[in-house]
Amino acid sequence: MHGLSETRPLTIGGVAKLAGVSPTTVRFYERAGVVRPVSRTAANYRLYPPDAVARIRFTRRAQELGFTLREVKELLTLRTDGARSCERVRETATTKIADIQDRIRSLQRMGRALARLAEECKTHKPGSGCPLLEYLENRL
């Protein structure tokens, strides 16, 4: 088993196991440009650098905080460019906080609207159409 201090390239299965994801997820992150194989074996298997594990773990944690893949790649660049610009990271986080707060307000508006429509469904007269379905049909 490969350790995290491993310096040899890792197969996709090794990266997946150490990062706690599936090989399909590793391939997804490869297509997204988060990780890249450094070489291939004689049997044409991809070999990834040992830091692929850390990059995938970093990406997963950042996504849990609401960052998009584009934003994660930007953060990864800041993490590896040597400058580790904390100010730029803080600006990115502040922007993400504002985005999350906007989404929360939007979700709350949707929740209130849906609750209102669901209440109308509860009190509609037999034989009349369902208010929620009518609302959805009229919004097409």
Protein backbone atom coordinates (compact mmCIF):
# COMPACT_ATOMS: atom_id res chain seq x y z
CA MET A 1 0.00 0.00 0.00
CA HIS A 2 1.23 3.46 -0.85
CA GLY A 3 1.72 5.92 1.99
CA LEU A 4 1.01 9.63 1.74
CA SER A 5 4.75 10.30 1.80
CA GLU A 6 5.13 8.10 -1.26
CA THR A 7 7.29 9.68 -3.95
CA ARG A 8 6.58 7.23 -6.75
CA PRO A 9 3.72 7.85 -9.17
CA LEU A 10 0.44 6.20 -8.23
CA THR A 11 -2.05 4.29 -10.33
CA ILE A 12 -5.60 5.59 -10.56
CA GLY A 13 -6.65 2.93 -8.05
CA GLY A 14 -3.93 4.00 -5.62
CA VAL A 15 -4.92 7.65 -5.88
CA ALA A 16 -8.60 6.78 -5.48
CA LYS A 17 -7.98 4.63 -2.40
CA LEU A 18 -5.75 7.17 -0.66
CA ALA A 19 -8.08 10.07 -1.52
CA GLY A 20 -11.19 8.16 -0.46
CA VAL A 21 -12.90 8.45 -3.84
CA SER A 22 -13.70 6.14 -6.73
CA PRO A 23 -11.51 5.80 -9.84
CA THR A 24 -14.40 7.42 -11.75
CA THR A 25 -14.03 10.49 -9.54
CA VAL A 26 -10.29 10.60 -10.22
CA ARG A 27 -11.04 10.50 -13.96
CA PHE A 28 -13.60 13.29 -13.52
CA TYR A 29 -11.04 15.46 -11.74
CA GLU A 30 -8.53 14.65 -14.47
CA ARG A 31 -10.97 15.84 -17.16
CA ALA A 32 -11.61 18.96 -15.06
CA GLY A 33 -7.87 19.69 -14.89
CA VAL A 34 -7.52 19.21 -11.12
CA VAL A 35 -5.08 16.30 -11.49
CA ARG A 36 -3.02 15.10 -14.43
CA PRO A 37 -1.18 11.84 -14.98
CA VAL A 38 2.59 12.25 -15.22
CA SER A 39 3.17 9.15 -17.30
CA ARG A 40 1.81 5.77 -18.30
CA THR A 41 2.89 2.24 -17.57
CA ALA A 42 3.95 -0.23 -20.25
CA ALA A 43 0.36 -1.49 -20.10
CA ASN A 44 -0.83 2.10 -20.74
CA TYR A 45 -2.21 2.66 -17.21
CA ARG A 46 -2.17 6.27 -16.04
CA LEU A 47 0.34 7.16 -13.34
CA TYR A 48 -0.35 10.19 -11.16
CA PRO A 49 2.03 12.21 -9.03
CA PRO A 50 1.74 11.61 -5.28
CA ASP A 51 0.35 15.13 -4.78
CA ALA A 52 -2.76 14.08 -6.76
CA VAL A 53 -4.13 12.66 -3.50
CA ALA A 54 -3.72 15.99 -1.68
CA ARG A 55 -5.19 17.90 -4.65
CA ILE A 56 -8.28 15.68 -4.70
CA ARG A 57 -8.75 15.92 -0.94
CA PHE A 58 -8.33 19.72 -1.13
CA THR A 59 -10.86 19.86 -3.99
CA ARG A 60 -13.42 17.79 -2.13
CA ARG A 61 -13.13 19.95 1.01
CA ALA A 62 -13.40 23.14 -1.04
CA GLN A 63 -16.48 21.82 -2.83
CA GLU A 64 -18.04 20.99 0.55
CA LEU A 65 -17.65 24.70 1.33
CA GLY A 66 -19.50 25.60 -1.87
CA PHE A 67 -16.61 26.40 -4.20
CA THR A 68 -17.05 25.53 -7.87
CA LEU A 69 -14.40 23.54 -9.73
CA ARG A 70 -13.26 26.74 -11.43
CA GLU A 71 -12.84 28.40 -8.04
CA VAL A 72 -11.11 25.32 -6.63
CA LYS A 73 -8.58 25.37 -9.47
CA GLU A 74 -7.91 29.03 -8.69
CA LEU A 75 -7.39 28.16 -5.01
CA LEU A 76 -5.09 25.29 -5.98
CA THR A 77 -3.02 27.72 -8.02
CA LEU A 78 -2.77 30.07 -5.05
CA ARG A 79 -1.80 27.09 -2.88
CA THR A 80 1.00 26.00 -5.19
CA ASP A 81 2.30 29.25 -6.67
CA GLY A 82 4.66 29.83 -3.77
CA ALA A 83 3.15 33.19 -2.89
CA ARG A 84 0.23 31.67 -0.96
CA SER A 85 -1.53 34.97 -1.26
CA CYS A 86 -3.73 34.95 1.82
CA GLU A 87 -5.32 38.24 0.75
CA ARG A 88 -6.50 36.74 -2.56
CA VAL A 89 -7.78 33.65 -0.78
CA ARG A 90 -9.66 35.86 1.69
CA GLU A 91 -11.19 37.83 -1.21
CA THR A 92 -12.26 34.57 -2.87
CA ALA A 93 -13.80 33.36 0.41
CA THR A 94 -15.59 36.69 0.94
CA THR A 95 -17.04 36.51 -2.56
CA LYS A 96 -18.16 32.92 -1.93
CA ILE A 97 -19.80 33.95 1.37
CA ALA A 98 -21.80 36.66 -0.45
CA ASP A 99 -22.80 34.14 -3.13
CA ILE A 100 -23.94 31.64 -0.48
CA GLN A 101 -25.96 34.32 1.32
CA ASP A 102 -27.63 35.28 -1.99
CA ARG A 103 -28.49 31.64 -2.65
CA ILE A 104 -29.90 31.28 0.88
CA ARG A 105 -32.16 34.29 0.32
CA SER A 106 -33.25 32.87 -3.02
CA LEU A 107 -33.98 29.47 -1.49
CA GLN A 108 -35.95 31.12 1.31
CA ARG A 109 -38.06 33.01 -1.31
CA MET A 110 -38.67 29.74 -3.16
CA GLY A 111 -39.62 28.03 0.09
CA ARG A 112 -42.13 30.75 0.98
CA ALA A 113 -43.66 30.66 -2.51
CA LEU A 114 -43.93 26.88 -2.47
CA ALA A 115 -45.43 26.90 1.04
CA ARG A 116 -48.03 29.44 -0.11
CA LEU A 117 -48.92 27.31 -3.13
CA ALA A 118 -49.05 24.13 -1.04
CA GLU A 119 -51.41 25.89 1.39
CA GLU A 120 -53.62 26.93 -1.55
CA CYS A 121 -53.68 23.28 -2.67
CA LYS A 122 -54.86 22.27 0.78
CA THR A 123 -57.81 24.69 0.68
CA HIS A 124 -58.83 24.51 -3.00
CA LYS A 125 -62.40 23.57 -3.85
CA PRO A 126 -63.15 20.12 -5.24
CA GLY A 127 -63.53 20.17 -8.99
CA SER A 128 -61.21 23.12 -9.42
CA GLY A 129 -57.66 22.72 -10.62
CA CYS A 130 -54.70 22.34 -8.32
CA PRO A 131 -53.23 25.82 -7.65
CA LEU A 132 -49.65 24.55 -7.65
CA LEU A 133 -50.04 22.72 -10.96
CA GLU A 134 -51.83 25.72 -12.46
CA TYR A 135 -49.01 28.00 -11.34
CA LEU A 136 -46.44 25.69 -12.94
CA GLU A 137 -48.48 25.36 -16.15
CA ASN A 138 -48.90 29.12 -16.46
CA ARG A 139 -45.18 29.72 -15.99
CA LEU A 140 -44.18 27.80 -19.11
